[in-house]
Amino acid sequence: MTGFYPEGKLIGTEDNLYFMQSLSALNDAYHQGKILEAKAIVCDCSHNLIVDLGIMKGIIPREEGAIGIREGRVRDIAVISRVNRPVCFVITGFRKNENGRTVAVLSRRIAQEKCRREYINTLVPGDIIPAKITHLDSFGAFADIGCGIVSLIPIDSISVSRIDHPRERFMVGMDIKAVVRSFENGRINLSHKELLGTWEENAAKFSIGETVGGIIRSVEDYGAFIELSPNLAGLAEMKDNIYVGQQASVYIKNIIPSRMKIKLIIIDTFDYEQIPDGPEYYFSGDHMDYFRYSPDDSEKIIETDFQSAANDNTLLMQKCL
């Protein structure tokens, strides 16, 4: 890891606390261009953020609140919404306020530009990075990948098993891992499902004859698809009065790896709003070139070729040059 983290990760670290302990330490951080974090406590009527540095207050002028604010590409809500949250910044100077007290002048924009230049722009497809969920929408989950810079995980890239809304997998503030999928118009596209295990890895947790829990994800004329884990679903025989979103207890009738099939029988269903747990990851490295979800002998191949995406991005950059 290069030292750039989603906002909130630095605030309690020993290094960050050291620079907050005295004016001389803050002055050292200023001269070093050090990225620090502290809590934003107020957004004033001019949309300047007031930050609590402990020994003094800091101010992030509106136009320094985020990349794009000054140019009008980003709305002020990106600044306002940081109140009562940690914000990253570099110190750009010190000044006296109207009461004669010293305040630090801060820039979140410069911290973000440094993060983009020294970290985000060095990433390639297949890199696995830490991220923090910032908000959820019907089409995907937005995640902070460093210094408040946000990327999207499309809903169909969150898991193999289909979901109606990202809130079924994530909560705002949840720390996750994500895979760099591709680059488009200077933005990083993320994926997540490749970290949740192959069909075989997920199926290995279950055995024929067991009765286990699941979630009804789809009801068709020929049966109901039951999620057993985020990257694994089975097909149950049809039963009356069931619907999407119900919890289910299901009997495992058969497991057929060559067809990626798990045959189920629904024993019972009930309503229960489940709070999502943190994801269980099967891959522990920091980069993957290729992910194959389907078993080797499967009739259907489901795969992600990150190396191909990396080559496509390289060609695109060469054309731009």
C-alpha atoms as a PDB file:
ATOM      1  CA  MET A   1       0.000   0.000   0.000  1.00  0.00           C
ATOM      2  CA  THR A   2       1.383   3.415  -0.962  1.00  0.00           C
ATOM      3  CA  GLY A   3       0.108   5.445   2.001  1.00  0.00           C
ATOM      4  CA  PHE A   4      -3.107   6.655   0.344  1.00  0.00           C
ATOM      5  CA  TYR A   5      -6.254   5.380   2.022  1.00  0.00           C
ATOM      6  CA  PRO A   6     -10.013   5.946   2.006  1.00  0.00           C
ATOM      7  CA  GLU A   7     -10.899   8.859   4.268  1.00  0.00           C
ATOM      8  CA  GLY A   8     -11.170   7.852   7.907  1.00  0.00           C
ATOM      9  CA  LYS A   9      -8.286   5.385   7.874  1.00  0.00           C
ATOM     10  CA  LEU A  10      -5.553   7.853   8.882  1.00  0.00           C
ATOM     11  CA  ILE A  11      -7.256   9.820  11.628  1.00  0.00           C
ATOM     12  CA  GLY A  12      -6.397   7.466  14.488  1.00  0.00           C
ATOM     13  CA  THR A  13      -2.944   6.398  13.341  1.00  0.00           C
ATOM     14  CA  GLU A  14       0.150   7.138  15.396  1.00  0.00           C
ATOM     15  CA  ASP A  15       1.676   9.178  12.569  1.00  0.00           C
ATOM     16  CA  ASN A  16      -1.416  11.373  12.162  1.00  0.00           C
ATOM     17  CA  LEU A  17      -1.762  11.941  15.911  1.00  0.00           C
ATOM     18  CA  TYR A  18       1.902  12.940  16.128  1.00  0.00           C
ATOM     19  CA  PHE A  19       1.460  15.836  13.707  1.00  0.00           C
ATOM     20  CA  MET A  20      -1.627  17.064  15.612  1.00  0.00           C
ATOM     21  CA  GLN A  21       0.121  17.369  18.977  1.00  0.00           C
ATOM     22  CA  SER A  22       1.812  20.761  18.598  1.00  0.00           C
ATOM     23  CA  LEU A  23       2.173  23.828  16.386  1.00  0.00           C
ATOM     24  CA  SER A  24       5.749  22.838  15.555  1.00  0.00           C
ATOM     25  CA  ALA A  25       4.587  19.384  14.418  1.00  0.00           C
ATOM     26  CA  LEU A  26       1.853  20.949  12.263  1.00  0.00           C
ATOM     27  CA  ASN A  27       4.483  23.260  10.823  1.00  0.00           C
ATOM     28  CA  ASP A  28       6.625  20.201   9.977  1.00  0.00           C
ATOM     29  CA  ALA A  29       3.631  18.640   8.204  1.00  0.00           C
ATOM     30  CA  TYR A  30       3.180  21.897   6.271  1.00  0.00           C
ATOM     31  CA  HIS A  31       6.775  21.888   5.035  1.00  0.00           C
ATOM     32  CA  GLN A  32       6.653  18.164   4.211  1.00  0.00           C
ATOM     33  CA  GLY A  33       3.363  18.419   2.292  1.00  0.00           C
ATOM     34  CA  LYS A  34       2.077  15.660   4.559  1.00  0.00           C
ATOM     35  CA  ILE A  35      -1.450  14.357   4.048  1.00  0.00           C
ATOM     36  CA  LEU A  36      -3.292  14.412   7.374  1.00  0.00           C
ATOM     37  CA  GLU A  37      -6.830  13.738   8.565  1.00  0.00           C
ATOM     38  CA  ALA A  38      -9.111  15.404  11.087  1.00  0.00           C
ATOM     39  CA  LYS A  39     -12.831  15.798  11.703  1.00  0.00           C
ATOM     40  CA  ALA A  40     -14.804  18.474   9.861  1.00  0.00           C
ATOM     41  CA  ILE A  41     -17.061  20.107  12.435  1.00  0.00           C
ATOM     42  CA  VAL A  42     -18.816  22.939  10.543  1.00  0.00           C
ATOM     43  CA  CYS A  43     -19.542  23.995   6.994  1.00  0.00           C
ATOM     44  CA  ASP A  44     -20.090  27.765   7.096  1.00  0.00           C
ATOM     45  CA  CYS A  45     -22.498  29.805   4.986  1.00  0.00           C
ATOM     46  CA  SER A  46     -19.819  30.196   2.286  1.00  0.00           C
ATOM     47  CA  HIS A  47     -19.305  26.416   2.205  1.00  0.00           C
ATOM     48  CA  ASN A  48     -15.873  26.563   3.805  1.00  0.00           C
ATOM     49  CA  LEU A  49     -15.154  23.527   5.993  1.00  0.00           C
ATOM     50  CA  ILE A  50     -13.965  24.147   9.544  1.00  0.00           C
ATOM     51  CA  VAL A  51     -11.768  21.317  10.785  1.00  0.00           C
ATOM     52  CA  ASP A  52     -10.814  20.462  14.365  1.00  0.00           C
ATOM     53  CA  LEU A  53      -7.046  19.962  14.562  1.00  0.00           C
ATOM     54  CA  GLY A  54      -7.034  19.687  18.353  1.00  0.00           C
ATOM     55  CA  ILE A  55      -4.607  22.508  19.177  1.00  0.00           C
ATOM     56  CA  MET A  56      -6.254  24.863  16.676  1.00  0.00           C
ATOM     57  CA  LYS A  57      -8.905  25.063  14.012  1.00  0.00           C
ATOM     58  CA  GLY A  58      -8.272  24.620  10.317  1.00  0.00           C
ATOM     59  CA  ILE A  59     -10.222  25.930   7.363  1.00  0.00           C
ATOM     60  CA  ILE A  60     -10.672  24.302   3.984  1.00  0.00           C
ATOM     61  CA  PRO A  61     -11.869  27.065   1.625  1.00  0.00           C
ATOM     62  CA  ARG A  62     -14.808  26.023  -0.537  1.00  0.00           C
ATOM     63  CA  GLU A  63     -12.767  25.822  -3.746  1.00  0.00           C
ATOM     64  CA  GLU A  64     -10.217  23.595  -1.960  1.00  0.00           C
ATOM     65  CA  GLY A  65     -12.886  21.172  -0.731  1.00  0.00           C
ATOM     66  CA  ALA A  66     -12.560  18.652  -3.580  1.00  0.00           C
ATOM     67  CA  ILE A  67     -11.228  18.205  -7.090  1.00  0.00           C
ATOM     68  CA  GLY A  68     -13.687  19.832  -9.483  1.00  0.00           C
ATOM     69  CA  ILE A  69     -15.400  22.238  -7.062  1.00  0.00           C
ATOM     70  CA  ARG A  70     -13.478  25.226  -8.405  1.00  0.00           C
ATOM     71  CA  GLU A  71     -14.320  24.360 -12.018  1.00  0.00           C
ATOM     72  CA  GLY A  72     -17.971  23.603 -11.267  1.00  0.00           C
ATOM     73  CA  ARG A  73     -17.699  19.928 -12.232  1.00  0.00           C
ATOM     74  CA  VAL A  74     -18.532  18.818  -8.692  1.00  0.00           C
ATOM     75  CA  ARG A  75     -21.459  20.101  -6.634  1.00  0.00           C
ATOM     76  CA  ASP A  76     -21.018  21.685  -3.218  1.00  0.00           C
ATOM     77  CA  ILE A  77     -22.769  18.722  -1.583  1.00  0.00           C
ATOM     78  CA  ALA A  78     -19.400  16.959  -1.874  1.00  0.00           C
ATOM     79  CA  VAL A  79     -18.122  19.460   0.709  1.00  0.00           C
ATOM     80  CA  ILE A  80     -21.250  19.896   2.835  1.00  0.00           C
ATOM     81  CA  SER A  81     -21.614  16.132   3.309  1.00  0.00           C
ATOM     82  CA  ARG A  82     -18.186  15.913   4.973  1.00  0.00           C
ATOM     83  CA  VAL A  83     -19.425  17.614   8.169  1.00  0.00           C
ATOM     84  CA  ASN A  84     -18.971  15.345  11.210  1.00  0.00           C
ATOM     85  CA  ARG A  85     -16.707  13.086   9.167  1.00  0.00           C
ATOM     86  CA  PRO A  86     -12.938  12.746   8.787  1.00  0.00           C
ATOM     87  CA  VAL A  87     -11.433  14.721   5.913  1.00  0.00           C
ATOM     88  CA  CYS A  88      -7.970  14.482   4.426  1.00  0.00           C
ATOM     89  CA  PHE A  89      -5.921  17.590   3.654  1.00  0.00           C
ATOM     90  CA  VAL A  90      -2.516  19.142   3.329  1.00  0.00           C
ATOM     91  CA  ILE A  91      -1.633  22.329   5.175  1.00  0.00           C
ATOM     92  CA  THR A  92      -1.004  25.225   2.772  1.00  0.00           C
ATOM     93  CA  GLY A  93      -0.267  27.903   5.382  1.00  0.00           C
ATOM     94  CA  PHE A  94      -1.278  29.620   8.595  1.00  0.00           C
ATOM     95  CA  ARG A  95      -3.092  32.891   9.224  1.00  0.00           C
ATOM     96  CA  LYS A  96      -4.784  34.929  11.942  1.00  0.00           C
ATOM     97  CA  ASN A  97      -8.575  34.904  12.110  1.00  0.00           C
ATOM     98  CA  GLU A  98     -10.789  37.862  13.063  1.00  0.00           C
ATOM     99  CA  ASN A  99     -10.158  37.095  16.740  1.00  0.00           C
ATOM    100  CA  GLY A 100      -6.398  37.144  16.296  1.00  0.00           C
ATOM    101  CA  ARG A 101      -6.057  33.379  16.696  1.00  0.00           C
ATOM    102  CA  THR A 102      -3.855  31.299  14.421  1.00  0.00           C
ATOM    103  CA  VAL A 103      -5.727  28.958  12.083  1.00  0.00           C
ATOM    104  CA  ALA A 104      -4.327  26.501   9.568  1.00  0.00           C
ATOM    105  CA  VAL A 105      -5.308  26.895   5.927  1.00  0.00           C
ATOM    106  CA  LEU A 106      -5.955  23.466   4.420  1.00  0.00           C
ATOM    107  CA  SER A 107      -6.592  21.921   1.008  1.00  0.00           C
ATOM    108  CA  ARG A 108      -8.421  18.672   0.447  1.00  0.00           C
ATOM    109  CA  ARG A 109      -8.132  19.230  -3.317  1.00  0.00           C
ATOM    110  CA  ILE A 110      -4.329  19.125  -3.224  1.00  0.00           C
ATOM    111  CA  ALA A 111      -4.414  15.922  -1.162  1.00  0.00           C
ATOM    112  CA  GLN A 112      -6.735  14.369  -3.731  1.00  0.00           C
ATOM    113  CA  GLU A 113      -4.564  15.479  -6.643  1.00  0.00           C
ATOM    114  CA  LYS A 114      -1.516  13.962  -4.947  1.00  0.00           C
ATOM    115  CA  CYS A 115      -3.438  10.718  -4.361  1.00  0.00           C
ATOM    116  CA  ARG A 116      -4.553  10.616  -7.982  1.00  0.00           C
ATOM    117  CA  ARG A 117      -1.097  11.383  -9.365  1.00  0.00           C
ATOM    118  CA  GLU A 118       0.997   9.127  -7.114  1.00  0.00           C
ATOM    119  CA  TYR A 119      -1.416   6.258  -6.474  1.00  0.00           C
ATOM    120  CA  ILE A 120      -4.591   6.035  -8.559  1.00  0.00           C
ATOM    121  CA  ASN A 121      -2.872   6.791 -11.870  1.00  0.00           C
ATOM    122  CA  THR A 122      -0.410   3.943 -11.214  1.00  0.00           C
ATOM    123  CA  LEU A 123      -3.140   1.293 -10.856  1.00  0.00           C
ATOM    124  CA  VAL A 124      -3.767  -1.281 -13.578  1.00  0.00           C
ATOM    125  CA  PRO A 125      -6.689  -3.671 -14.220  1.00  0.00           C
ATOM    126  CA  GLY A 126      -6.517  -6.574 -11.801  1.00  0.00           C
ATOM    127  CA  ASP A 127      -5.087  -4.559  -8.897  1.00  0.00           C
ATOM    128  CA  ILE A 128      -6.897  -5.236  -5.630  1.00  0.00           C
ATOM    129  CA  ILE A 129      -7.323  -2.164  -3.465  1.00  0.00           C
ATOM    130  CA  PRO A 130      -8.962  -1.191  -0.171  1.00  0.00           C
ATOM    131  CA  ALA A 131     -12.123   0.872  -0.427  1.00  0.00           C
ATOM    132  CA  LYS A 132     -14.873   2.254   1.809  1.00  0.00           C
ATOM    133  CA  ILE A 133     -18.545   2.347   0.808  1.00  0.00           C
ATOM    134  CA  THR A 134     -19.731   5.974   0.701  1.00  0.00           C
ATOM    135  CA  HIS A 135     -23.252   5.682  -0.697  1.00  0.00           C
ATOM    136  CA  LEU A 136     -25.562   3.237  -2.424  1.00  0.00           C
ATOM    137  CA  ASP A 137     -27.806   3.673  -5.437  1.00  0.00           C
ATOM    138  CA  SER A 138     -30.034   1.312  -7.378  1.00  0.00           C
ATOM    139  CA  PHE A 139     -27.398   0.869 -10.094  1.00  0.00           C
ATOM    140  CA  GLY A 140     -24.371   0.298  -7.896  1.00  0.00           C
ATOM    141  CA  ALA A 141     -22.229   1.111  -4.871  1.00  0.00           C
ATOM    142  CA  PHE A 142     -19.897   4.074  -4.661  1.00  0.00           C
ATOM    143  CA  ALA A 143     -16.632   3.541  -2.819  1.00  0.00           C
ATOM    144  CA  ASP A 144     -13.838   5.833  -1.644  1.00  0.00           C
ATOM    145  CA  ILE A 145     -10.579   4.433  -3.037  1.00  0.00           C
ATOM    146  CA  GLY A 146      -8.307   7.092  -1.581  1.00  0.00           C
ATOM    147  CA  CYS A 147      -8.539  10.605  -0.097  1.00  0.00           C
ATOM    148  CA  GLY A 148     -12.255  10.817  -0.790  1.00  0.00           C
ATOM    149  CA  ILE A 149     -11.948   9.995  -4.500  1.00  0.00           C
ATOM    150  CA  VAL A 150     -14.952   7.848  -5.339  1.00  0.00           C
ATOM    151  CA  SER A 151     -15.415   5.056  -7.904  1.00  0.00           C
ATOM    152  CA  LEU A 152     -18.430   2.949  -8.829  1.00  0.00           C
ATOM    153  CA  ILE A 153     -18.980  -0.775  -8.428  1.00  0.00           C
ATOM    154  CA  PRO A 154     -21.882  -1.525 -10.812  1.00  0.00           C
ATOM    155  CA  ILE A 155     -24.587  -3.690  -9.275  1.00  0.00           C
ATOM    156  CA  ASP A 156     -23.848  -6.609 -11.614  1.00  0.00           C
ATOM    157  CA  SER A 157     -20.188  -6.552 -10.517  1.00  0.00           C
ATOM    158  CA  ILE A 158     -20.904  -6.783  -6.796  1.00  0.00           C
ATOM    159  CA  SER A 159     -21.529 -10.552  -6.732  1.00  0.00           C
ATOM    160  CA  VAL A 160     -22.349 -13.445  -9.032  1.00  0.00           C
ATOM    161  CA  SER A 161     -25.700 -13.965  -7.326  1.00  0.00           C
ATOM    162  CA  ARG A 162     -28.072 -11.249  -8.506  1.00  0.00           C
ATOM    163  CA  ILE A 163     -29.401  -8.649  -6.096  1.00  0.00           C
ATOM    164  CA  ASP A 164     -32.110  -5.997  -6.377  1.00  0.00           C
ATOM    165  CA  HIS A 165     -30.114  -3.287  -4.601  1.00  0.00           C
ATOM    166  CA  PRO A 166     -26.515  -2.913  -3.335  1.00  0.00           C
ATOM    167  CA  ARG A 167     -27.820  -2.496   0.245  1.00  0.00           C
ATOM    168  CA  GLU A 168     -28.293  -6.273   0.241  1.00  0.00           C
ATOM    169  CA  ARG A 169     -24.485  -6.599   0.221  1.00  0.00           C
ATOM    170  CA  PHE A 170     -23.079  -3.375   1.632  1.00  0.00           C
ATOM    171  CA  MET A 171     -23.647  -0.692   4.241  1.00  0.00           C
ATOM    172  CA  VAL A 172     -22.397   2.886   4.071  1.00  0.00           C
ATOM    173  CA  GLY A 173     -19.075   3.051   5.898  1.00  0.00           C
ATOM    174  CA  MET A 174     -18.237  -0.621   5.294  1.00  0.00           C
ATOM    175  CA  ASP A 175     -14.590  -1.356   4.532  1.00  0.00           C
ATOM    176  CA  ILE A 176     -14.203  -3.656   1.544  1.00  0.00           C
ATOM    177  CA  LYS A 177     -11.755  -4.739  -1.106  1.00  0.00           C
ATOM    178  CA  ALA A 178     -12.330  -4.074  -4.795  1.00  0.00           C
ATOM    179  CA  VAL A 179     -10.682  -5.018  -8.088  1.00  0.00           C
ATOM    180  CA  VAL A 180      -9.726  -2.440 -10.690  1.00  0.00           C
ATOM    181  CA  ARG A 181     -11.756  -3.567 -13.688  1.00  0.00           C
ATOM    182  CA  SER A 182     -10.948  -0.937 -16.318  1.00  0.00           C
ATOM    183  CA  PHE A 183     -10.454   2.750 -16.989  1.00  0.00           C
ATOM    184  CA  GLU A 184     -12.907   4.922 -18.880  1.00  0.00           C
ATOM    185  CA  ASN A 185     -12.662   8.689 -19.483  1.00  0.00           C
ATOM    186  CA  GLY A 186     -10.160   8.992 -16.659  1.00  0.00           C
ATOM    187  CA  ARG A 187     -12.376   7.115 -14.203  1.00  0.00           C
ATOM    188  CA  ILE A 188     -11.688   3.752 -12.618  1.00  0.00           C
ATOM    189  CA  ASN A 189     -14.351   1.069 -12.946  1.00  0.00           C
ATOM    190  CA  LEU A 190     -14.350  -1.381 -10.053  1.00  0.00           C
ATOM    191  CA  SER A 191     -15.497  -4.945  -9.588  1.00  0.00           C
ATOM    192  CA  HIS A 192     -16.013  -7.067  -6.486  1.00  0.00           C
ATOM    193  CA  LYS A 193     -17.429 -10.465  -7.400  1.00  0.00           C
ATOM    194  CA  GLU A 194     -14.049 -11.919  -8.417  1.00  0.00           C
ATOM    195  CA  LEU A 195     -12.931 -11.742  -4.773  1.00  0.00           C
ATOM    196  CA  LEU A 196     -15.873 -13.793  -3.487  1.00  0.00           C
ATOM    197  CA  GLY A 197     -14.660 -17.150  -4.746  1.00  0.00           C
ATOM    198  CA  THR A 198     -15.234 -19.518  -7.631  1.00  0.00           C
ATOM    199  CA  TRP A 199     -18.253 -21.776  -8.034  1.00  0.00           C
ATOM    200  CA  GLU A 200     -16.257 -24.716  -6.672  1.00  0.00           C
ATOM    201  CA  GLU A 201     -14.914 -22.776  -3.678  1.00  0.00           C
ATOM    202  CA  ASN A 202     -18.409 -21.729  -2.692  1.00  0.00           C
ATOM    203  CA  ALA A 203     -20.018 -25.100  -3.406  1.00  0.00           C
ATOM    204  CA  ALA A 204     -17.405 -26.830  -1.231  1.00  0.00           C
ATOM    205  CA  LYS A 205     -19.144 -25.357   1.826  1.00  0.00           C
ATOM    206  CA  PHE A 206     -22.264 -27.439   1.132  1.00  0.00           C
ATOM    207  CA  SER A 207     -23.085 -31.143   0.937  1.00  0.00           C
ATOM    208  CA  ILE A 208     -25.888 -33.218  -0.547  1.00  0.00           C
ATOM    209  CA  GLY A 209     -28.479 -34.031   2.118  1.00  0.00           C
ATOM    210  CA  GLU A 210     -27.931 -30.881   4.168  1.00  0.00           C
ATOM    211  CA  THR A 211     -30.660 -28.360   4.917  1.00  0.00           C
ATOM    212  CA  VAL A 212     -29.252 -24.837   4.843  1.00  0.00           C
ATOM    213  CA  GLY A 213     -30.372 -21.224   4.768  1.00  0.00           C
ATOM    214  CA  GLY A 214     -30.712 -19.054   1.697  1.00  0.00           C
ATOM    215  CA  ILE A 215     -32.433 -16.033   0.140  1.00  0.00           C
ATOM    216  CA  ILE A 216     -34.936 -16.191  -2.722  1.00  0.00           C
ATOM    217  CA  ARG A 217     -33.477 -14.077  -5.527  1.00  0.00           C
ATOM    218  CA  SER A 218     -35.715 -14.944  -8.474  1.00  0.00           C
ATOM    219  CA  VAL A 219     -39.000 -16.768  -9.006  1.00  0.00           C
ATOM    220  CA  GLU A 220     -39.559 -18.251 -12.473  1.00  0.00           C
ATOM    221  CA  ASP A 221     -42.155 -20.574 -13.983  1.00  0.00           C
ATOM    222  CA  TYR A 222     -39.751 -23.495 -13.683  1.00  0.00           C
ATOM    223  CA  GLY A 223     -38.523 -22.833 -10.143  1.00  0.00           C
ATOM    224  CA  ALA A 224     -36.922 -20.386  -7.731  1.00  0.00           C
ATOM    225  CA  PHE A 225     -33.282 -19.357  -7.577  1.00  0.00           C
ATOM    226  CA  ILE A 226     -32.000 -19.424  -4.006  1.00  0.00           C
ATOM    227  CA  GLU A 227     -28.793 -17.648  -3.029  1.00  0.00           C
ATOM    228  CA  LEU A 228     -26.690 -19.829  -0.751  1.00  0.00           C
ATOM    229  CA  SER A 229     -23.766 -17.397  -0.665  1.00  0.00           C
ATOM    230  CA  PRO A 230     -23.027 -14.158  -2.559  1.00  0.00           C
ATOM    231  CA  ASN A 231     -21.310 -16.089  -5.366  1.00  0.00           C
ATOM    232  CA  LEU A 232     -23.519 -19.176  -5.383  1.00  0.00           C
ATOM    233  CA  ALA A 233     -27.191 -19.882  -6.105  1.00  0.00           C
ATOM    234  CA  GLY A 234     -29.192 -23.058  -6.618  1.00  0.00           C
ATOM    235  CA  LEU A 235     -32.485 -23.840  -8.327  1.00  0.00           C
ATOM    236  CA  ALA A 236     -35.368 -25.012  -6.143  1.00  0.00           C
ATOM    237  CA  GLU A 237     -38.509 -26.789  -7.216  1.00  0.00           C
ATOM    238  CA  MET A 238     -41.476 -24.410  -7.381  1.00  0.00           C
ATOM    239  CA  LYS A 239     -43.548 -23.813  -4.263  1.00  0.00           C
ATOM    240  CA  ASP A 240     -46.694 -21.724  -3.753  1.00  0.00           C
ATOM    241  CA  ASN A 241     -46.700 -18.338  -2.039  1.00  0.00           C
ATOM    242  CA  ILE A 242     -43.001 -17.566  -2.234  1.00  0.00           C
ATOM    243  CA  TYR A 243     -41.488 -14.315  -3.437  1.00  0.00           C
ATOM    244  CA  VAL A 244     -38.189 -12.538  -3.992  1.00  0.00           C
ATOM    245  CA  GLY A 245     -36.416 -11.389  -0.847  1.00  0.00           C
ATOM    246  CA  GLN A 246     -37.747 -14.088   1.476  1.00  0.00           C
ATOM    247  CA  GLN A 247     -35.397 -16.088   3.634  1.00  0.00           C
ATOM    248  CA  ALA A 248     -35.611 -19.824   2.983  1.00  0.00           C
ATOM    249  CA  SER A 249     -34.498 -23.093   4.475  1.00  0.00           C
ATOM    250  CA  VAL A 250     -33.638 -25.476   1.632  1.00  0.00           C
ATOM    251  CA  TYR A 251     -32.699 -29.134   1.314  1.00  0.00           C
ATOM    252  CA  ILE A 252     -29.743 -29.823  -0.999  1.00  0.00           C
ATOM    253  CA  LYS A 253     -30.899 -32.531  -3.382  1.00  0.00           C
ATOM    254  CA  ASN A 254     -27.911 -32.648  -5.738  1.00  0.00           C
ATOM    255  CA  ILE A 255     -24.674 -30.810  -6.682  1.00  0.00           C
ATOM    256  CA  ILE A 256     -23.495 -31.049 -10.306  1.00  0.00           C
ATOM    257  CA  PRO A 257     -20.168 -29.180 -10.896  1.00  0.00           C
ATOM    258  CA  SER A 258     -19.994 -29.839 -14.665  1.00  0.00           C
ATOM    259  CA  ARG A 259     -23.245 -27.919 -15.090  1.00  0.00           C
ATOM    260  CA  MET A 260     -22.760 -25.514 -12.190  1.00  0.00           C
ATOM    261  CA  LYS A 261     -26.059 -26.748 -10.812  1.00  0.00           C
ATOM    262  CA  ILE A 262     -27.285 -27.145  -7.258  1.00  0.00           C
ATOM    263  CA  LYS A 263     -30.751 -28.678  -7.006  1.00  0.00           C
ATOM    264  CA  LEU A 264     -32.772 -27.638  -3.977  1.00  0.00           C
ATOM    265  CA  ILE A 265     -36.088 -28.295  -2.275  1.00  0.00           C
ATOM    266  CA  ILE A 266     -37.662 -25.445  -0.301  1.00  0.00           C
ATOM    267  CA  ILE A 267     -38.567 -26.576   3.204  1.00  0.00           C
ATOM    268  CA  ASP A 268     -39.862 -23.275   4.551  1.00  0.00           C
ATOM    269  CA  THR A 269     -39.768 -19.512   3.915  1.00  0.00           C
ATOM    270  CA  PHE A 270     -40.122 -16.474   6.127  1.00  0.00           C
ATOM    271  CA  ASP A 271     -39.661 -12.712   6.084  1.00  0.00           C
ATOM    272  CA  TYR A 272     -36.619 -11.214   7.743  1.00  0.00           C
ATOM    273  CA  GLU A 273     -34.598  -8.112   6.884  1.00  0.00           C
ATOM    274  CA  GLN A 274     -31.001  -9.205   7.105  1.00  0.00           C
ATOM    275  CA  ILE A 275     -28.226  -6.704   7.829  1.00  0.00           C
ATOM    276  CA  PRO A 276     -25.331  -7.446   5.465  1.00  0.00           C
ATOM    277  CA  ASP A 277     -22.192  -8.877   7.008  1.00  0.00           C
ATOM    278  CA  GLY A 278     -18.745  -7.897   5.825  1.00  0.00           C
ATOM    279  CA  PRO A 279     -17.761  -9.805   2.674  1.00  0.00           C
ATOM    280  CA  GLU A 280     -15.866 -13.102   2.900  1.00  0.00           C
ATOM    281  CA  TYR A 281     -12.916 -12.962   0.512  1.00  0.00           C
ATOM    282  CA  TYR A 282     -11.267 -15.994  -1.060  1.00  0.00           C
ATOM    283  CA  PHE A 283      -8.364 -14.170  -2.701  1.00  0.00           C
ATOM    284  CA  SER A 284      -5.650 -12.694  -0.493  1.00  0.00           C
ATOM    285  CA  GLY A 285      -3.211 -11.255  -3.037  1.00  0.00           C
ATOM    286  CA  ASP A 286      -2.957  -7.682  -4.295  1.00  0.00           C
ATOM    287  CA  HIS A 287      -3.352  -8.442  -8.018  1.00  0.00           C
ATOM    288  CA  MET A 288      -5.085 -10.975 -10.253  1.00  0.00           C
ATOM    289  CA  ASP A 289      -4.625 -11.253 -14.020  1.00  0.00           C
ATOM    290  CA  TYR A 290      -7.438 -13.715 -14.578  1.00  0.00           C
ATOM    291  CA  PHE A 291     -10.445 -15.084 -12.740  1.00  0.00           C
ATOM    292  CA  ARG A 292     -12.437 -18.122 -13.805  1.00  0.00           C
ATOM    293  CA  TYR A 293     -15.632 -18.643 -11.888  1.00  0.00           C
ATOM    294  CA  SER A 294     -16.751 -21.853 -13.595  1.00  0.00           C
ATOM    295  CA  PRO A 295     -15.197 -25.303 -12.932  1.00  0.00           C
ATOM    296  CA  ASP A 296     -12.684 -26.601 -15.491  1.00  0.00           C
ATOM    297  CA  ASP A 297     -15.092 -29.276 -16.747  1.00  0.00           C
ATOM    298  CA  SER A 298     -18.089 -26.943 -16.914  1.00  0.00           C
ATOM    299  CA  GLU A 299     -20.018 -26.680 -20.167  1.00  0.00           C
ATOM    300  CA  LYS A 300     -20.259 -22.918 -19.619  1.00  0.00           C
ATOM    301  CA  ILE A 301     -17.255 -20.647 -19.102  1.00  0.00           C
ATOM    302  CA  ILE A 302     -17.589 -17.604 -16.851  1.00  0.00           C
ATOM    303  CA  GLU A 303     -14.367 -15.630 -16.569  1.00  0.00           C
ATOM    304  CA  THR A 304     -12.805 -12.181 -16.184  1.00  0.00           C
ATOM    305  CA  ASP A 305      -9.610 -11.424 -18.097  1.00  0.00           C
ATOM    306  CA  PHE A 306      -7.997  -8.453 -16.378  1.00  0.00           C
ATOM    307  CA  GLN A 307      -4.802  -8.811 -18.414  1.00  0.00           C
ATOM    308  CA  SER A 308      -6.764  -8.230 -21.614  1.00  0.00           C
ATOM    309  CA  ALA A 309      -8.316  -5.112 -20.090  1.00  0.00           C
ATOM    310  CA  ALA A 310      -4.856  -3.881 -19.105  1.00  0.00           C
ATOM    311  CA  ASN A 311      -3.610  -4.357 -22.667  1.00  0.00           C
ATOM    312  CA  ASP A 312      -6.647  -2.512 -24.046  1.00  0.00           C
ATOM    313  CA  ASN A 313      -5.943   0.411 -21.727  1.00  0.00           C
ATOM    314  CA  THR A 314      -2.290   0.480 -22.778  1.00  0.00           C
ATOM    315  CA  LEU A 315      -3.277   0.621 -26.455  1.00  0.00           C
ATOM    316  CA  LEU A 316      -5.751   3.391 -25.721  1.00  0.00           C
ATOM    317  CA  MET A 317      -3.103   5.441 -23.936  1.00  0.00           C
ATOM    318  CA  GLN A 318      -0.662   4.930 -26.828  1.00  0.00           C
ATOM    319  CA  LYS A 319      -3.302   6.181 -29.276  1.00  0.00           C
ATOM    320  CA  CYS A 320      -3.871   9.261 -27.113  1.00  0.00           C
ATOM    321  CA  LEU A 321      -0.141   9.954 -27.152  1.00  0.00           C
END
